[in-house]
């Protein structure tokens, strides 16, 4: 089974975004970053998809993971490895 696509909505000045991206990079996970910092349409897309207006917003496949804290919690529980493998 192939790994699900990871999408992370970010803004350039966000420390939580940097932390989330670093965790994904440290785990050698490929992700698509969408910078919503200066683009109202992309921010609207993120809000429609996640129901939230803060960054980062992270999706693994179609599953909304949440933000940085939720991503780290998934990693601590071992779930991040499981869902990124496509199990």
N, C-alpha and C. Protein backbone atom coordinates (compact mmCIF):
# COMPACT_ATOMS: atom_id res chain seq x y z
N UNK A 1 0.85 -1.18 0.00
CA UNK A 1 0.00 0.00 0.00
C UNK A 1 0.89 1.24 0.00
N UNK A 2 0.51 2.26 -0.76
CA UNK A 2 1.33 3.46 -0.83
C UNK A 2 1.05 4.40 0.34
N UNK A 3 2.04 5.22 0.63
CA UNK A 3 1.91 6.18 1.72
C UNK A 3 0.95 7.29 1.31
N UNK A 4 0.09 7.73 2.25
CA UNK A 4 -0.83 8.81 1.93
C UNK A 4 -0.09 10.14 1.79
N UNK A 5 -0.63 11.02 0.97
CA UNK A 5 -0.04 12.34 0.78
C UNK A 5 -0.20 13.17 2.05
N UNK A 6 0.85 13.89 2.40
CA UNK A 6 0.82 14.78 3.56
C UNK A 6 0.78 16.21 3.05
N UNK A 7 -0.17 16.98 3.56
CA UNK A 7 -0.30 18.38 3.21
C UNK A 7 -0.26 19.20 4.49
N UNK A 8 0.54 20.26 4.48
CA UNK A 8 0.62 21.13 5.64
C UNK A 8 0.44 22.58 5.19
N UNK A 9 -0.56 23.22 5.77
CA UNK A 9 -0.82 24.64 5.52
C UNK A 9 -0.02 25.43 6.54
N UNK A 10 0.76 26.41 6.05
CA UNK A 10 1.69 27.15 6.91
C UNK A 10 1.64 28.64 6.62
N UNK A 11 2.38 29.37 7.45
CA UNK A 11 2.72 30.76 7.15
C UNK A 11 4.18 30.95 7.54
N UNK A 12 4.87 31.89 6.90
CA UNK A 12 6.31 32.00 7.07
C UNK A 12 6.77 32.37 8.49
N UNK A 13 5.97 33.07 9.24
CA UNK A 13 6.39 33.56 10.55
C UNK A 13 5.97 32.65 11.70
N UNK A 14 5.47 31.49 11.40
CA UNK A 14 4.88 30.59 12.40
C UNK A 14 5.90 29.59 12.94
N UNK A 15 6.22 29.70 14.21
CA UNK A 15 7.14 28.77 14.85
C UNK A 15 6.59 27.36 14.94
N UNK A 16 5.29 27.23 15.16
CA UNK A 16 4.67 25.90 15.21
C UNK A 16 4.75 25.21 13.85
N UNK A 17 4.64 26.01 12.78
CA UNK A 17 4.78 25.45 11.43
C UNK A 17 6.18 24.90 11.23
N UNK A 18 7.18 25.65 11.68
CA UNK A 18 8.57 25.18 11.55
C UNK A 18 8.79 23.89 12.34
N UNK A 19 8.22 23.82 13.55
CA UNK A 19 8.36 22.61 14.36
C UNK A 19 7.70 21.41 13.68
N UNK A 20 6.50 21.61 13.15
CA UNK A 20 5.79 20.51 12.49
C UNK A 20 6.56 20.03 11.26
N UNK A 21 7.05 20.97 10.46
CA UNK A 21 7.81 20.59 9.26
C UNK A 21 9.09 19.87 9.64
N UNK A 22 9.74 20.30 10.72
CA UNK A 22 10.97 19.65 11.15
C UNK A 22 10.71 18.20 11.56
N UNK A 23 9.62 17.97 12.28
CA UNK A 23 9.29 16.59 12.65
C UNK A 23 9.08 15.73 11.41
N UNK A 24 8.33 16.24 10.45
CA UNK A 24 8.09 15.49 9.22
C UNK A 24 9.40 15.24 8.47
N UNK A 25 10.25 16.26 8.40
CA UNK A 25 11.55 16.10 7.73
C UNK A 25 12.43 15.10 8.47
N UNK A 26 12.46 15.18 9.80
CA UNK A 26 13.28 14.25 10.59
C UNK A 26 12.84 12.80 10.38
N UNK A 27 11.57 12.60 10.08
CA UNK A 27 11.05 11.26 9.82
C UNK A 27 11.12 10.89 8.34
N UNK A 28 11.78 11.76 7.55
CA UNK A 28 11.94 11.55 6.10
C UNK A 28 10.61 11.38 5.38
N UNK A 29 9.63 12.15 5.82
CA UNK A 29 8.31 12.13 5.19
C UNK A 29 8.21 13.25 4.18
N UNK A 30 7.71 12.94 3.02
CA UNK A 30 7.53 13.92 1.95
C UNK A 30 6.18 14.60 2.18
N UNK A 31 6.17 15.93 2.08
CA UNK A 31 4.93 16.65 2.29
C UNK A 31 4.83 17.82 1.32
N UNK A 32 3.60 18.24 1.10
CA UNK A 32 3.32 19.42 0.29
C UNK A 32 3.00 20.56 1.24
N UNK A 33 3.74 21.64 1.11
CA UNK A 33 3.51 22.81 1.96
C UNK A 33 2.71 23.85 1.17
N UNK A 34 1.66 24.35 1.79
CA UNK A 34 0.85 25.41 1.19
C UNK A 34 0.95 26.62 2.10
N UNK A 35 1.63 27.66 1.62
CA UNK A 35 1.83 28.89 2.38
C UNK A 35 0.59 29.77 2.23
N UNK A 36 -0.14 29.94 3.32
CA UNK A 36 -1.36 30.75 3.30
C UNK A 36 -1.11 32.16 3.82
N UNK A 37 0.15 32.47 4.13
CA UNK A 37 0.50 33.74 4.75
C UNK A 37 0.02 34.97 4.02
N UNK A 38 0.14 35.00 2.74
CA UNK A 38 -0.25 36.19 1.99
C UNK A 38 -1.35 35.94 0.99
N UNK A 39 -2.06 34.85 1.14
CA UNK A 39 -3.06 34.49 0.14
C UNK A 39 -4.39 34.16 0.81
N UNK A 40 -5.31 35.09 0.74
CA UNK A 40 -6.61 34.91 1.37
C UNK A 40 -7.39 33.74 0.82
N UNK A 41 -7.25 33.47 -0.47
CA UNK A 41 -7.97 32.35 -1.08
C UNK A 41 -7.47 31.02 -0.53
N UNK A 42 -6.14 30.89 -0.40
CA UNK A 42 -5.59 29.65 0.16
C UNK A 42 -5.97 29.50 1.62
N UNK A 43 -5.99 30.61 2.37
CA UNK A 43 -6.41 30.56 3.78
C UNK A 43 -7.88 30.12 3.85
N UNK A 44 -8.71 30.65 2.97
CA UNK A 44 -10.12 30.24 2.93
C UNK A 44 -10.25 28.76 2.63
N UNK A 45 -9.42 28.27 1.69
CA UNK A 45 -9.42 26.84 1.36
C UNK A 45 -9.06 26.01 2.58
N UNK A 46 -8.02 26.45 3.31
CA UNK A 46 -7.58 25.75 4.51
C UNK A 46 -8.70 25.73 5.55
N UNK A 47 -9.34 26.88 5.75
CA UNK A 47 -10.41 26.97 6.75
C UNK A 47 -11.60 26.10 6.37
N UNK A 48 -11.94 26.07 5.08
CA UNK A 48 -13.06 25.24 4.63
C UNK A 48 -12.74 23.76 4.84
N UNK A 49 -11.49 23.41 4.61
CA UNK A 49 -11.09 22.00 4.71
C UNK A 49 -10.93 21.54 6.16
N UNK A 50 -10.40 22.43 7.02
CA UNK A 50 -10.07 22.04 8.40
C UNK A 50 -11.08 22.52 9.44
N UNK A 51 -11.81 23.59 9.12
CA UNK A 51 -12.68 24.19 10.11
C UNK A 51 -11.94 25.06 11.10
N UNK A 52 -10.68 25.31 10.85
CA UNK A 52 -9.83 26.11 11.75
C UNK A 52 -9.17 27.24 10.97
N UNK A 53 -8.81 28.31 11.71
CA UNK A 53 -8.19 29.45 11.03
C UNK A 53 -6.74 29.68 11.46
N UNK A 54 -6.16 28.74 12.20
CA UNK A 54 -4.78 28.87 12.64
C UNK A 54 -3.89 27.92 11.84
N UNK A 55 -2.61 28.24 11.80
CA UNK A 55 -1.63 27.38 11.15
C UNK A 55 -0.68 26.84 12.20
N UNK A 56 -0.11 25.68 11.95
CA UNK A 56 -0.30 24.83 10.78
C UNK A 56 -1.59 24.03 10.89
N UNK A 57 -2.07 23.61 9.73
CA UNK A 57 -3.14 22.62 9.64
C UNK A 57 -2.58 21.50 8.78
N UNK A 58 -2.64 20.29 9.31
CA UNK A 58 -1.95 19.16 8.70
C UNK A 58 -2.96 18.08 8.32
N UNK A 59 -2.81 17.57 7.11
CA UNK A 59 -3.63 16.49 6.61
C UNK A 59 -2.73 15.35 6.18
N UNK A 60 -3.12 14.14 6.53
CA UNK A 60 -2.46 12.95 6.02
C UNK A 60 -3.52 12.20 5.23
N UNK A 61 -3.35 12.20 3.93
CA UNK A 61 -4.43 11.75 3.06
C UNK A 61 -5.57 12.75 3.23
N UNK A 62 -6.75 12.26 3.43
CA UNK A 62 -7.90 13.13 3.66
C UNK A 62 -8.17 13.34 5.14
N UNK A 63 -7.37 12.67 6.00
CA UNK A 63 -7.56 12.78 7.45
C UNK A 63 -6.94 14.07 7.97
N UNK A 64 -7.75 14.88 8.64
CA UNK A 64 -7.26 16.11 9.26
C UNK A 64 -6.61 15.73 10.58
N UNK A 65 -5.30 15.96 10.67
CA UNK A 65 -4.55 15.65 11.88
C UNK A 65 -4.72 16.76 12.91
N UNK A 66 -4.77 18.00 12.44
CA UNK A 66 -4.83 19.15 13.34
C UNK A 66 -3.58 19.98 13.17
N UNK A 67 -3.10 20.51 14.29
CA UNK A 67 -1.92 21.37 14.27
C UNK A 67 -0.67 20.66 14.77
N UNK A 68 0.29 21.46 15.16
CA UNK A 68 1.59 20.95 15.59
C UNK A 68 1.48 20.05 16.82
N UNK A 69 0.73 20.49 17.82
CA UNK A 69 0.61 19.69 19.04
C UNK A 69 0.00 18.32 18.75
N UNK A 70 -1.01 18.29 17.91
CA UNK A 70 -1.64 17.02 17.56
C UNK A 70 -0.69 16.12 16.77
N UNK A 71 0.13 16.72 15.90
CA UNK A 71 1.11 15.95 15.14
C UNK A 71 2.13 15.30 16.08
N UNK A 72 2.63 16.06 17.04
CA UNK A 72 3.59 15.52 18.00
C UNK A 72 2.95 14.44 18.87
N UNK A 73 1.68 14.62 19.24
CA UNK A 73 0.98 13.60 20.02
C UNK A 73 0.85 12.30 19.22
N UNK A 74 0.54 12.42 17.93
CA UNK A 74 0.48 11.22 17.07
C UNK A 74 1.83 10.53 17.01
N UNK A 75 2.89 11.32 16.95
CA UNK A 75 4.23 10.73 16.90
C UNK A 75 4.55 10.01 18.20
N UNK A 76 4.25 10.63 19.33
CA UNK A 76 4.54 10.00 20.63
C UNK A 76 3.79 8.69 20.80
N UNK A 77 2.57 8.62 20.26
CA UNK A 77 1.76 7.41 20.43
C UNK A 77 2.12 6.31 19.42
N UNK A 78 2.93 6.65 18.41
CA UNK A 78 3.26 5.68 17.37
C UNK A 78 2.29 5.68 16.20
N UNK A 79 1.19 6.42 16.34
CA UNK A 79 0.18 6.46 15.28
C UNK A 79 0.68 7.15 14.01
N UNK A 80 1.56 8.14 14.15
CA UNK A 80 2.07 8.83 12.98
C UNK A 80 2.78 7.86 12.04
N UNK A 81 3.60 7.00 12.60
CA UNK A 81 4.30 6.01 11.77
C UNK A 81 3.29 5.08 11.09
N UNK A 82 2.27 4.66 11.82
CA UNK A 82 1.28 3.73 11.26
C UNK A 82 0.51 4.37 10.11
N UNK A 83 0.01 5.59 10.32
CA UNK A 83 -0.83 6.18 9.27
C UNK A 83 -0.01 6.68 8.08
N UNK A 84 1.25 7.03 8.29
CA UNK A 84 2.06 7.47 7.15
C UNK A 84 2.55 6.29 6.32
N UNK A 85 2.51 5.11 6.89
CA UNK A 85 2.82 3.89 6.11
C UNK A 85 1.63 3.46 5.28
N UNK A 86 0.45 4.02 5.57
CA UNK A 86 -0.74 3.62 4.84
C UNK A 86 -1.41 2.39 5.38
N UNK A 87 -1.10 2.04 6.66
CA UNK A 87 -1.72 0.86 7.29
C UNK A 87 -3.20 1.06 7.51
